[in-house]
Amino acid sequence: MKYENAQNILPNDILHQLQQYVDGTYLYIPKKDNNKKSWGQDSGVKLELAKRNNDIFQKFLAGTSVKELASNYYLTENSIRRIIRECKESTR
């Protein structure tokens, strides 16, 4: 998130109105609903995690133990079990 000085962006009348509510504090202005993106959409992280989780599931189906998967992917055994459970549910 990039901070901008309101004096450099907003007209004076709007700036003075805002100062009546939030004088000298930071103010977050959310994006419009039609401009919002889902988590990981821009960075590709969501897609990478889906691929990683699918790889984990396929290795589990091929016989790799939960303990070994946890060690290989630097995750807890509970996280591996959760990933396996979610992959099973999504294939139904």
C-alpha atoms as a PDB file:
ATOM      1  CA  MET A   1       0.000   0.000   0.000  1.00  0.00           C
ATOM      2  CA  LYS A   2       1.349   3.399  -0.950  1.00  0.00           C
ATOM      3  CA  TYR A   3       0.753   6.454   1.211  1.00  0.00           C
ATOM      4  CA  GLU A   4      -0.064   9.727  -0.483  1.00  0.00           C
ATOM      5  CA  ASN A   5      -0.326  13.210   0.990  1.00  0.00           C
ATOM      6  CA  ALA A   6      -3.963  14.267   0.763  1.00  0.00           C
ATOM      7  CA  GLN A   7      -2.888  17.874   0.100  1.00  0.00           C
ATOM      8  CA  ASN A   8      -1.299  16.702  -3.148  1.00  0.00           C
ATOM      9  CA  ILE A   9      -4.388  14.820  -4.326  1.00  0.00           C
ATOM     10  CA  LEU A  10      -7.634  16.205  -2.944  1.00  0.00           C
ATOM     11  CA  PRO A  11      -9.302  19.544  -3.623  1.00  0.00           C
ATOM     12  CA  ASN A  12      -9.106  21.959  -0.669  1.00  0.00           C
ATOM     13  CA  ASP A  13     -12.819  21.793   0.164  1.00  0.00           C
ATOM     14  CA  ILE A  14     -12.747  17.988   0.453  1.00  0.00           C
ATOM     15  CA  LEU A  15      -9.508  18.129   2.451  1.00  0.00           C
ATOM     16  CA  HIS A  16     -11.045  20.581   4.944  1.00  0.00           C
ATOM     17  CA  GLN A  17     -14.128  18.358   5.335  1.00  0.00           C
ATOM     18  CA  LEU A  18     -11.946  15.304   6.017  1.00  0.00           C
ATOM     19  CA  GLN A  19      -9.875  17.242   8.554  1.00  0.00           C
ATOM     20  CA  GLN A  20     -13.015  17.741  10.633  1.00  0.00           C
ATOM     21  CA  TYR A  21     -13.178  13.949  11.122  1.00  0.00           C
ATOM     22  CA  VAL A  22      -9.553  12.808  10.989  1.00  0.00           C
ATOM     23  CA  ASP A  23      -7.156  15.686  11.544  1.00  0.00           C
ATOM     24  CA  GLY A  24      -3.535  14.586  11.184  1.00  0.00           C
ATOM     25  CA  THR A  25      -4.155  10.832  11.220  1.00  0.00           C
ATOM     26  CA  TYR A  26      -3.751   8.139   8.606  1.00  0.00           C
ATOM     27  CA  LEU A  27      -6.878   7.260   6.690  1.00  0.00           C
ATOM     28  CA  TYR A  28      -7.319   4.116   4.613  1.00  0.00           C
ATOM     29  CA  ILE A  29      -9.601   4.499   1.626  1.00  0.00           C
ATOM     30  CA  PRO A  30     -10.673   1.055   0.369  1.00  0.00           C
ATOM     31  CA  LYS A  31     -10.935   0.225  -3.301  1.00  0.00           C
ATOM     32  CA  LYS A  32     -14.306   0.194  -4.981  1.00  0.00           C
ATOM     33  CA  ASP A  33     -15.912  -3.248  -4.976  1.00  0.00           C
ATOM     34  CA  ASN A  34     -15.476  -3.645  -8.715  1.00  0.00           C
ATOM     35  CA  ASN A  35     -11.711  -2.943  -8.400  1.00  0.00           C
ATOM     36  CA  LYS A  36     -10.995  -5.454  -5.647  1.00  0.00           C
ATOM     37  CA  LYS A  37      -8.909  -8.515  -6.406  1.00  0.00           C
ATOM     38  CA  SER A  38      -8.833 -11.737  -4.497  1.00  0.00           C
ATOM     39  CA  TRP A  39      -5.857 -12.637  -2.332  1.00  0.00           C
ATOM     40  CA  GLY A  40      -2.834 -13.774  -4.354  1.00  0.00           C
ATOM     41  CA  GLN A  41      -4.349 -12.811  -7.703  1.00  0.00           C
ATOM     42  CA  ASP A  42      -1.625 -10.355  -8.713  1.00  0.00           C
ATOM     43  CA  SER A  43       1.379 -12.112  -7.209  1.00  0.00           C
ATOM     44  CA  GLY A  44       0.457 -15.625  -8.343  1.00  0.00           C
ATOM     45  CA  VAL A  45       0.905 -16.998  -4.823  1.00  0.00           C
ATOM     46  CA  LYS A  46      -2.573 -18.523  -4.791  1.00  0.00           C
ATOM     47  CA  LEU A  47      -1.794 -20.496  -7.939  1.00  0.00           C
ATOM     48  CA  GLU A  48       1.613 -21.585  -6.602  1.00  0.00           C
ATOM     49  CA  LEU A  49       0.054 -22.836  -3.362  1.00  0.00           C
ATOM     50  CA  ALA A  50      -2.616 -24.760  -5.267  1.00  0.00           C
ATOM     51  CA  LYS A  51       0.106 -26.442  -7.339  1.00  0.00           C
ATOM     52  CA  ARG A  52       2.162 -27.217  -4.210  1.00  0.00           C
ATOM     53  CA  ASN A  53      -0.872 -28.663  -2.446  1.00  0.00           C
ATOM     54  CA  ASN A  54      -1.696 -30.816  -5.446  1.00  0.00           C
ATOM     55  CA  ASP A  55       1.914 -32.066  -5.538  1.00  0.00           C
ATOM     56  CA  ILE A  56       1.671 -32.946  -1.846  1.00  0.00           C
ATOM     57  CA  PHE A  57      -1.580 -34.823  -2.429  1.00  0.00           C
ATOM     58  CA  GLN A  58      -0.182 -36.759  -5.401  1.00  0.00           C
ATOM     59  CA  LYS A  59       2.927 -37.747  -3.426  1.00  0.00           C
ATOM     60  CA  PHE A  60       0.718 -38.854  -0.542  1.00  0.00           C
ATOM     61  CA  LEU A  61      -1.344 -41.010  -2.919  1.00  0.00           C
ATOM     62  CA  ALA A  62       1.903 -42.470  -4.250  1.00  0.00           C
ATOM     63  CA  GLY A  63       2.831 -43.598  -0.741  1.00  0.00           C
ATOM     64  CA  THR A  64       4.915 -40.798   0.779  1.00  0.00           C
ATOM     65  CA  SER A  65       4.237 -40.527   4.500  1.00  0.00           C
ATOM     66  CA  VAL A  66       2.794 -37.452   6.165  1.00  0.00           C
ATOM     67  CA  LYS A  67       5.941 -37.122   8.248  1.00  0.00           C
ATOM     68  CA  GLU A  68       8.180 -37.169   5.177  1.00  0.00           C
ATOM     69  CA  LEU A  69       5.972 -34.680   3.330  1.00  0.00           C
ATOM     70  CA  ALA A  70       6.068 -32.335   6.319  1.00  0.00           C
ATOM     71  CA  SER A  71       9.839 -32.511   6.358  1.00  0.00           C
ATOM     72  CA  ASN A  72      10.195 -32.016   2.597  1.00  0.00           C
ATOM     73  CA  TYR A  73       7.821 -29.037   2.419  1.00  0.00           C
ATOM     74  CA  TYR A  74       8.769 -27.453   5.776  1.00  0.00           C
ATOM     75  CA  LEU A  75       5.208 -27.706   7.051  1.00  0.00           C
ATOM     76  CA  THR A  76       3.716 -29.262  10.166  1.00  0.00           C
ATOM     77  CA  GLU A  77       2.165 -32.702   9.966  1.00  0.00           C
ATOM     78  CA  ASN A  78      -1.201 -31.113  10.801  1.00  0.00           C
ATOM     79  CA  SER A  79      -0.834 -28.773   7.813  1.00  0.00           C
ATOM     80  CA  ILE A  80      -0.053 -31.717   5.537  1.00  0.00           C
ATOM     81  CA  ARG A  81      -3.111 -33.590   6.843  1.00  0.00           C
ATOM     82  CA  ARG A  82      -5.283 -30.506   6.250  1.00  0.00           C
ATOM     83  CA  ILE A  83      -3.986 -30.181   2.672  1.00  0.00           C
ATOM     84  CA  ILE A  84      -4.648 -33.878   2.008  1.00  0.00           C
ATOM     85  CA  ARG A  85      -8.147 -33.617   3.481  1.00  0.00           C
ATOM     86  CA  GLU A  86      -8.965 -30.519   1.403  1.00  0.00           C
ATOM     87  CA  CYS A  87      -7.664 -32.168  -1.779  1.00  0.00           C
ATOM     88  CA  LYS A  88      -9.746 -35.280  -1.084  1.00  0.00           C
ATOM     89  CA  GLU A  89     -12.854 -33.146  -0.568  1.00  0.00           C
ATOM     90  CA  SER A  90     -12.284 -31.174  -3.751  1.00  0.00           C
ATOM     91  CA  THR A  91     -11.976 -34.342  -5.864  1.00  0.00           C
ATOM     92  CA  ARG A  92     -15.387 -35.642  -4.747  1.00  0.00           C
END
